[in-house]
């Protein structure tokens, strides 16, 4: 794949590393050994081999950028409303991506910046425009959005803006994780107004 890019364009400046599988429990049920292995092969191994093939060309470019995509499953696992969306194998693989991001930032520096965008619930990934979403009840869908501070799922435009920020504006950022989840990790918990107190 990388060879085809170099043959056609002569160089490689940016790698968007968005390879993954991801099987919803409501769709696939519990993973058997074959599914678990496929998750690791797709989400971790494939990302690694693509990075390895791309790295020399990114270093040659002199200002290369790698963006690894991951999921908040790395943090929440199978807990709360997303337990119908994230399975154990998927969550474990996502946790591994952050370790790769940090390691690759060290390997790539100073010619290549490596960062990660950790996604929450997006319309085309874990939400309205996916097969699993239609299997959820109205109550389950409402709970997922209620658990998100911004009370909505993300859009492709939200992702594009984050990608462009890392590529164009975040010149001093490497080895970092940008969590793009609308506040899902915070659990939809609002902060009360501070009381006046008695003094």
C-alpha atoms as a PDB file:
ATOM      1  CA  UNK A   1       0.000   0.000   0.000  1.00  0.00           C
ATOM      2  CA  UNK A   2       2.738   2.471   0.972  1.00  0.00           C
ATOM      3  CA  UNK A   3       4.740   1.521  -2.125  1.00  0.00           C
ATOM      4  CA  UNK A   4       1.748   2.407  -4.304  1.00  0.00           C
ATOM      5  CA  UNK A   5       1.541   5.834  -2.666  1.00  0.00           C
ATOM      6  CA  UNK A   6       5.248   6.489  -3.184  1.00  0.00           C
ATOM      7  CA  UNK A   7       5.131   5.231  -6.773  1.00  0.00           C
ATOM      8  CA  UNK A   8       2.246   7.552  -7.554  1.00  0.00           C
ATOM      9  CA  UNK A   9       3.089  10.701  -5.561  1.00  0.00           C
ATOM     10  CA  UNK A  10       6.815  10.370  -4.958  1.00  0.00           C
ATOM     11  CA  UNK A  11       6.583  11.131  -1.242  1.00  0.00           C
ATOM     12  CA  UNK A  12       4.543  10.620   1.920  1.00  0.00           C
ATOM     13  CA  UNK A  13       3.841  13.433   4.373  1.00  0.00           C
ATOM     14  CA  UNK A  14       0.798  12.279   6.351  1.00  0.00           C
ATOM     15  CA  UNK A  15      -0.411   8.907   7.611  1.00  0.00           C
ATOM     16  CA  UNK A  16      -3.966   8.631   8.914  1.00  0.00           C
ATOM     17  CA  UNK A  17      -3.840   5.262  10.656  1.00  0.00           C
ATOM     18  CA  UNK A  18      -7.508   4.314  11.003  1.00  0.00           C
ATOM     19  CA  UNK A  19      -7.423   0.545  10.615  1.00  0.00           C
ATOM     20  CA  UNK A  20      -9.639  -1.382  13.007  1.00  0.00           C
ATOM     21  CA  UNK A  21     -12.370  -3.960  13.200  1.00  0.00           C
ATOM     22  CA  UNK A  22     -14.667  -3.414  16.173  1.00  0.00           C
ATOM     23  CA  UNK A  23     -17.526  -5.819  16.805  1.00  0.00           C
ATOM     24  CA  UNK A  24     -20.586  -4.650  18.688  1.00  0.00           C
ATOM     25  CA  UNK A  25     -21.769  -7.132  21.332  1.00  0.00           C
ATOM     26  CA  UNK A  26     -25.368  -6.531  20.179  1.00  0.00           C
ATOM     27  CA  UNK A  27     -24.296  -7.581  16.665  1.00  0.00           C
ATOM     28  CA  UNK A  28     -21.577 -10.202  17.167  1.00  0.00           C
ATOM     29  CA  UNK A  29     -22.248 -11.434  20.696  1.00  0.00           C
ATOM     30  CA  UNK A  30     -19.220 -12.424  22.786  1.00  0.00           C
ATOM     31  CA  UNK A  31     -15.974 -12.848  20.881  1.00  0.00           C
ATOM     32  CA  UNK A  32     -14.724 -16.368  20.332  1.00  0.00           C
ATOM     33  CA  UNK A  33     -10.973 -16.952  19.992  1.00  0.00           C
ATOM     34  CA  UNK A  34     -10.972 -16.389  16.225  1.00  0.00           C
ATOM     35  CA  UNK A  35     -12.794 -13.052  16.552  1.00  0.00           C
ATOM     36  CA  UNK A  36     -10.489 -11.938  19.371  1.00  0.00           C
ATOM     37  CA  UNK A  37      -7.412 -12.752  17.280  1.00  0.00           C
ATOM     38  CA  UNK A  38      -8.886 -10.944  14.270  1.00  0.00           C
ATOM     39  CA  UNK A  39      -9.458  -7.856  16.428  1.00  0.00           C
ATOM     40  CA  UNK A  40      -5.814  -7.801  17.506  1.00  0.00           C
ATOM     41  CA  UNK A  41      -4.579  -8.469  13.967  1.00  0.00           C
ATOM     42  CA  UNK A  42      -6.690  -5.690  12.498  1.00  0.00           C
ATOM     43  CA  UNK A  43      -6.543  -3.032  15.181  1.00  0.00           C
ATOM     44  CA  UNK A  44      -2.985  -3.444  16.472  1.00  0.00           C
ATOM     45  CA  UNK A  45      -0.867  -5.479  14.068  1.00  0.00           C
ATOM     46  CA  UNK A  46      -2.079  -3.837  10.863  1.00  0.00           C
ATOM     47  CA  UNK A  47      -1.597  -0.364  12.352  1.00  0.00           C
ATOM     48  CA  UNK A  48       1.945  -1.303  13.328  1.00  0.00           C
ATOM     49  CA  UNK A  49       2.970  -2.708   9.951  1.00  0.00           C
ATOM     50  CA  UNK A  50       1.537   0.279   8.092  1.00  0.00           C
ATOM     51  CA  UNK A  51       3.460   2.628  10.386  1.00  0.00           C
ATOM     52  CA  UNK A  52       6.683   0.633   9.938  1.00  0.00           C
ATOM     53  CA  UNK A  53       6.360   0.805   6.157  1.00  0.00           C
ATOM     54  CA  UNK A  54       5.507   4.515   6.169  1.00  0.00           C
ATOM     55  CA  UNK A  55       8.090   5.735   8.697  1.00  0.00           C
ATOM     56  CA  UNK A  56      11.175   5.981   6.418  1.00  0.00           C
ATOM     57  CA  UNK A  57       9.193   8.036   3.903  1.00  0.00           C
ATOM     58  CA  UNK A  58       7.704  10.266   6.600  1.00  0.00           C
ATOM     59  CA  UNK A  59      11.188  10.893   8.002  1.00  0.00           C
ATOM     60  CA  UNK A  60      12.450  11.755   4.532  1.00  0.00           C
ATOM     61  CA  UNK A  61       9.644  14.294   4.191  1.00  0.00           C
ATOM     62  CA  UNK A  62      11.131  16.006   7.246  1.00  0.00           C
ATOM     63  CA  UNK A  63       7.826  17.189   8.724  1.00  0.00           C
ATOM     64  CA  UNK A  64       5.763  14.034   8.698  1.00  0.00           C
ATOM     65  CA  UNK A  65       2.529  13.569  10.600  1.00  0.00           C
ATOM     66  CA  UNK A  66       0.941  10.377  11.880  1.00  0.00           C
ATOM     67  CA  UNK A  67      -2.545  10.343  13.376  1.00  0.00           C
ATOM     68  CA  UNK A  68      -3.660   7.124  15.017  1.00  0.00           C
ATOM     69  CA  UNK A  69      -7.375   6.745  15.554  1.00  0.00           C
ATOM     70  CA  UNK A  70      -8.602   5.003  18.675  1.00  0.00           C
ATOM     71  CA  UNK A  71     -11.751   4.788  20.769  1.00  0.00           C
ATOM     72  CA  UNK A  72     -12.830   5.773  24.269  1.00  0.00           C
ATOM     73  CA  UNK A  73     -13.327   2.029  24.727  1.00  0.00           C
ATOM     74  CA  UNK A  74      -9.684   2.177  25.832  1.00  0.00           C
ATOM     75  CA  UNK A  75     -10.830   4.061  28.933  1.00  0.00           C
ATOM     76  CA  UNK A  76     -14.383   2.884  29.617  1.00  0.00           C
ATOM     77  CA  UNK A  77     -14.113  -0.727  28.472  1.00  0.00           C
ATOM     78  CA  UNK A  78     -17.462  -2.476  28.792  1.00  0.00           C
ATOM     79  CA  UNK A  79     -19.085  -0.189  31.330  1.00  0.00           C
ATOM     80  CA  UNK A  80     -22.183   1.963  31.425  1.00  0.00           C
ATOM     81  CA  UNK A  81     -24.328   2.626  28.357  1.00  0.00           C
ATOM     82  CA  UNK A  82     -21.543   1.658  25.908  1.00  0.00           C
ATOM     83  CA  UNK A  83     -21.400  -1.913  27.227  1.00  0.00           C
ATOM     84  CA  UNK A  84     -23.693  -2.852  24.316  1.00  0.00           C
ATOM     85  CA  UNK A  85     -21.276  -1.246  21.845  1.00  0.00           C
ATOM     86  CA  UNK A  86     -17.761  -2.094  23.064  1.00  0.00           C
ATOM     87  CA  UNK A  87     -16.568  -5.639  23.711  1.00  0.00           C
ATOM     88  CA  UNK A  88     -13.552  -6.706  25.748  1.00  0.00           C
ATOM     89  CA  UNK A  89     -11.309  -7.495  22.784  1.00  0.00           C
ATOM     90  CA  UNK A  90     -12.027  -4.166  21.114  1.00  0.00           C
ATOM     91  CA  UNK A  91     -11.397  -2.249  24.341  1.00  0.00           C
ATOM     92  CA  UNK A  92      -8.118  -4.065  24.979  1.00  0.00           C
ATOM     93  CA  UNK A  93      -6.867  -3.329  21.459  1.00  0.00           C
ATOM     94  CA  UNK A  94      -7.820   0.332  21.808  1.00  0.00           C
ATOM     95  CA  UNK A  95      -5.823   0.598  25.035  1.00  0.00           C
ATOM     96  CA  UNK A  96      -2.810  -0.709  23.122  1.00  0.00           C
ATOM     97  CA  UNK A  97      -3.038   2.053  20.519  1.00  0.00           C
ATOM     98  CA  UNK A  98      -2.121   4.738  23.046  1.00  0.00           C
ATOM     99  CA  UNK A  99       1.032   2.841  23.969  1.00  0.00           C
ATOM    100  CA  UNK A 100       1.940   2.611  20.281  1.00  0.00           C
ATOM    101  CA  UNK A 101       1.304   6.344  19.853  1.00  0.00           C
ATOM    102  CA  UNK A 102       3.753   7.212  22.636  1.00  0.00           C
ATOM    103  CA  UNK A 103       6.384   4.753  21.415  1.00  0.00           C
ATOM    104  CA  UNK A 104       6.090   5.863  17.800  1.00  0.00           C
ATOM    105  CA  UNK A 105       6.388   9.532  18.822  1.00  0.00           C
ATOM    106  CA  UNK A 106       9.777   8.676  20.317  1.00  0.00           C
ATOM    107  CA  UNK A 107      10.816   6.699  17.241  1.00  0.00           C
ATOM    108  CA  UNK A 108       9.630   9.357  14.797  1.00  0.00           C
ATOM    109  CA  UNK A 109      11.060  12.432  16.479  1.00  0.00           C
ATOM    110  CA  UNK A 110      12.152  14.967  15.487  1.00  0.00           C
ATOM    111  CA  UNK A 111      11.134  14.553  11.824  1.00  0.00           C
ATOM    112  CA  UNK A 112       7.725  12.968  12.453  1.00  0.00           C
ATOM    113  CA  UNK A 113       4.967  13.970  14.883  1.00  0.00           C
ATOM    114  CA  UNK A 114       2.757  11.103  16.067  1.00  0.00           C
ATOM    115  CA  UNK A 115      -0.536  11.840  17.810  1.00  0.00           C
ATOM    116  CA  UNK A 116      -3.806  10.078  18.483  1.00  0.00           C
ATOM    117  CA  UNK A 117      -7.453  11.044  18.191  1.00  0.00           C
ATOM    118  CA  UNK A 118      -9.571   9.042  20.628  1.00  0.00           C
ATOM    119  CA  UNK A 119     -13.143   9.023  19.362  1.00  0.00           C
ATOM    120  CA  UNK A 120     -16.365   8.790  21.304  1.00  0.00           C
ATOM    121  CA  UNK A 121     -19.697   8.028  19.669  1.00  0.00           C
ATOM    122  CA  UNK A 122     -19.820   9.230  16.058  1.00  0.00           C
ATOM    123  CA  UNK A 123     -22.651   8.962  13.565  1.00  0.00           C
ATOM    124  CA  UNK A 124     -20.626   6.737  11.249  1.00  0.00           C
ATOM    125  CA  UNK A 125     -18.781   4.937  14.051  1.00  0.00           C
ATOM    126  CA  UNK A 126     -20.769   3.493  16.956  1.00  0.00           C
ATOM    127  CA  UNK A 127     -23.905   5.558  16.350  1.00  0.00           C
ATOM    128  CA  UNK A 128     -26.774   6.405  13.984  1.00  0.00           C
ATOM    129  CA  UNK A 129     -25.267   5.354  10.664  1.00  0.00           C
ATOM    130  CA  UNK A 130     -23.996   1.952  11.791  1.00  0.00           C
ATOM    131  CA  UNK A 131     -25.650  -1.457  11.740  1.00  0.00           C
ATOM    132  CA  UNK A 132     -25.592  -1.927  15.508  1.00  0.00           C
ATOM    133  CA  UNK A 133     -27.402   1.320  16.301  1.00  0.00           C
ATOM    134  CA  UNK A 134     -30.659   0.017  14.839  1.00  0.00           C
ATOM    135  CA  UNK A 135     -30.537  -2.923  17.254  1.00  0.00           C
ATOM    136  CA  UNK A 136     -30.606  -0.653  20.299  1.00  0.00           C
ATOM    137  CA  UNK A 137     -33.849   0.379  21.948  1.00  0.00           C
ATOM    138  CA  UNK A 138     -34.926   4.010  22.105  1.00  0.00           C
ATOM    139  CA  UNK A 139     -34.102   3.991  25.820  1.00  0.00           C
ATOM    140  CA  UNK A 140     -30.580   2.666  25.175  1.00  0.00           C
ATOM    141  CA  UNK A 141     -29.931   5.286  22.501  1.00  0.00           C
ATOM    142  CA  UNK A 142     -31.186   8.029  24.814  1.00  0.00           C
ATOM    143  CA  UNK A 143     -28.893   6.790  27.607  1.00  0.00           C
ATOM    144  CA  UNK A 144     -25.849   6.972  25.323  1.00  0.00           C
ATOM    145  CA  UNK A 145     -26.549  10.589  24.395  1.00  0.00           C
ATOM    146  CA  UNK A 146     -27.490  11.532  27.975  1.00  0.00           C
ATOM    147  CA  UNK A 147     -24.106  10.220  29.107  1.00  0.00           C
ATOM    148  CA  UNK A 148     -22.442  12.682  26.684  1.00  0.00           C
ATOM    149  CA  UNK A 149     -22.125  16.255  27.965  1.00  0.00           C
ATOM    150  CA  UNK A 150     -22.852  17.745  24.540  1.00  0.00           C
ATOM    151  CA  UNK A 151     -25.969  15.529  24.231  1.00  0.00           C
ATOM    152  CA  UNK A 152     -25.235  14.403  20.674  1.00  0.00           C
ATOM    153  CA  UNK A 153     -23.060  12.086  18.667  1.00  0.00           C
ATOM    154  CA  UNK A 154     -20.119  13.360  16.644  1.00  0.00           C
ATOM    155  CA  UNK A 155     -20.027  14.085  12.933  1.00  0.00           C
ATOM    156  CA  UNK A 156     -17.475  13.586  10.198  1.00  0.00           C
ATOM    157  CA  UNK A 157     -16.953  17.352  10.232  1.00  0.00           C
ATOM    158  CA  UNK A 158     -15.946  17.175  13.913  1.00  0.00           C
ATOM    159  CA  UNK A 159     -13.266  14.622  13.040  1.00  0.00           C
ATOM    160  CA  UNK A 160     -12.008  16.541  10.013  1.00  0.00           C
ATOM    161  CA  UNK A 161     -11.536  19.687  12.106  1.00  0.00           C
ATOM    162  CA  UNK A 162      -9.524  17.756  14.703  1.00  0.00           C
ATOM    163  CA  UNK A 163      -7.357  16.146  12.014  1.00  0.00           C
ATOM    164  CA  UNK A 164      -6.642  19.486  10.356  1.00  0.00           C
ATOM    165  CA  UNK A 165      -5.780  21.009  13.720  1.00  0.00           C
ATOM    166  CA  UNK A 166      -3.146  18.354  14.373  1.00  0.00           C
ATOM    167  CA  UNK A 167      -1.715  18.575  10.862  1.00  0.00           C
ATOM    168  CA  UNK A 168      -1.678  22.345  10.429  1.00  0.00           C
ATOM    169  CA  UNK A 169      -1.647  23.990  13.847  1.00  0.00           C
ATOM    170  CA  UNK A 170      -0.279  21.597  16.476  1.00  0.00           C
ATOM    171  CA  UNK A 171       3.359  21.817  15.425  1.00  0.00           C
ATOM    172  CA  UNK A 172       4.665  21.356  18.984  1.00  0.00           C
ATOM    173  CA  UNK A 173       2.477  18.366  19.822  1.00  0.00           C
ATOM    174  CA  UNK A 174       3.643  14.767  19.616  1.00  0.00           C
ATOM    175  CA  UNK A 175       2.851  11.647  21.604  1.00  0.00           C
ATOM    176  CA  UNK A 176      -0.455  13.172  22.689  1.00  0.00           C
ATOM    177  CA  UNK A 177      -4.019  11.892  22.776  1.00  0.00           C
ATOM    178  CA  UNK A 178      -6.784  14.269  21.714  1.00  0.00           C
ATOM    179  CA  UNK A 179     -10.035  12.952  23.167  1.00  0.00           C
ATOM    180  CA  UNK A 180     -12.917  13.823  20.864  1.00  0.00           C
ATOM    181  CA  UNK A 181     -15.928  12.413  22.685  1.00  0.00           C
ATOM    182  CA  UNK A 182     -18.327  15.272  23.392  1.00  0.00           C
ATOM    183  CA  UNK A 183     -17.673  14.751  27.085  1.00  0.00           C
ATOM    184  CA  UNK A 184     -18.717  11.094  27.233  1.00  0.00           C
ATOM    185  CA  UNK A 185     -15.848  10.155  29.560  1.00  0.00           C
ATOM    186  CA  UNK A 186     -17.057  12.772  32.034  1.00  0.00           C
ATOM    187  CA  UNK A 187     -20.346  10.910  32.165  1.00  0.00           C
ATOM    188  CA  UNK A 188     -22.816  13.656  31.457  1.00  0.00           C
ATOM    189  CA  UNK A 189     -22.419  14.854  35.047  1.00  0.00           C
ATOM    190  CA  UNK A 190     -23.019  18.597  35.296  1.00  0.00           C
ATOM    191  CA  UNK A 191     -21.269  20.770  37.883  1.00  0.00           C
ATOM    192  CA  UNK A 192     -23.626  22.470  40.342  1.00  0.00           C
ATOM    193  CA  UNK A 193     -23.309  26.172  41.050  1.00  0.00           C
ATOM    194  CA  UNK A 194     -21.074  26.830  44.038  1.00  0.00           C
ATOM    195  CA  UNK A 195     -23.251  27.754  47.052  1.00  0.00           C
ATOM    196  CA  UNK A 196     -22.978  31.196  48.592  1.00  0.00           C
ATOM    197  CA  UNK A 197     -21.640  29.708  51.821  1.00  0.00           C
ATOM    198  CA  UNK A 198     -22.259  30.950  55.346  1.00  0.00           C
ATOM    199  CA  UNK A 199     -19.308  33.299  55.898  1.00  0.00           C
END
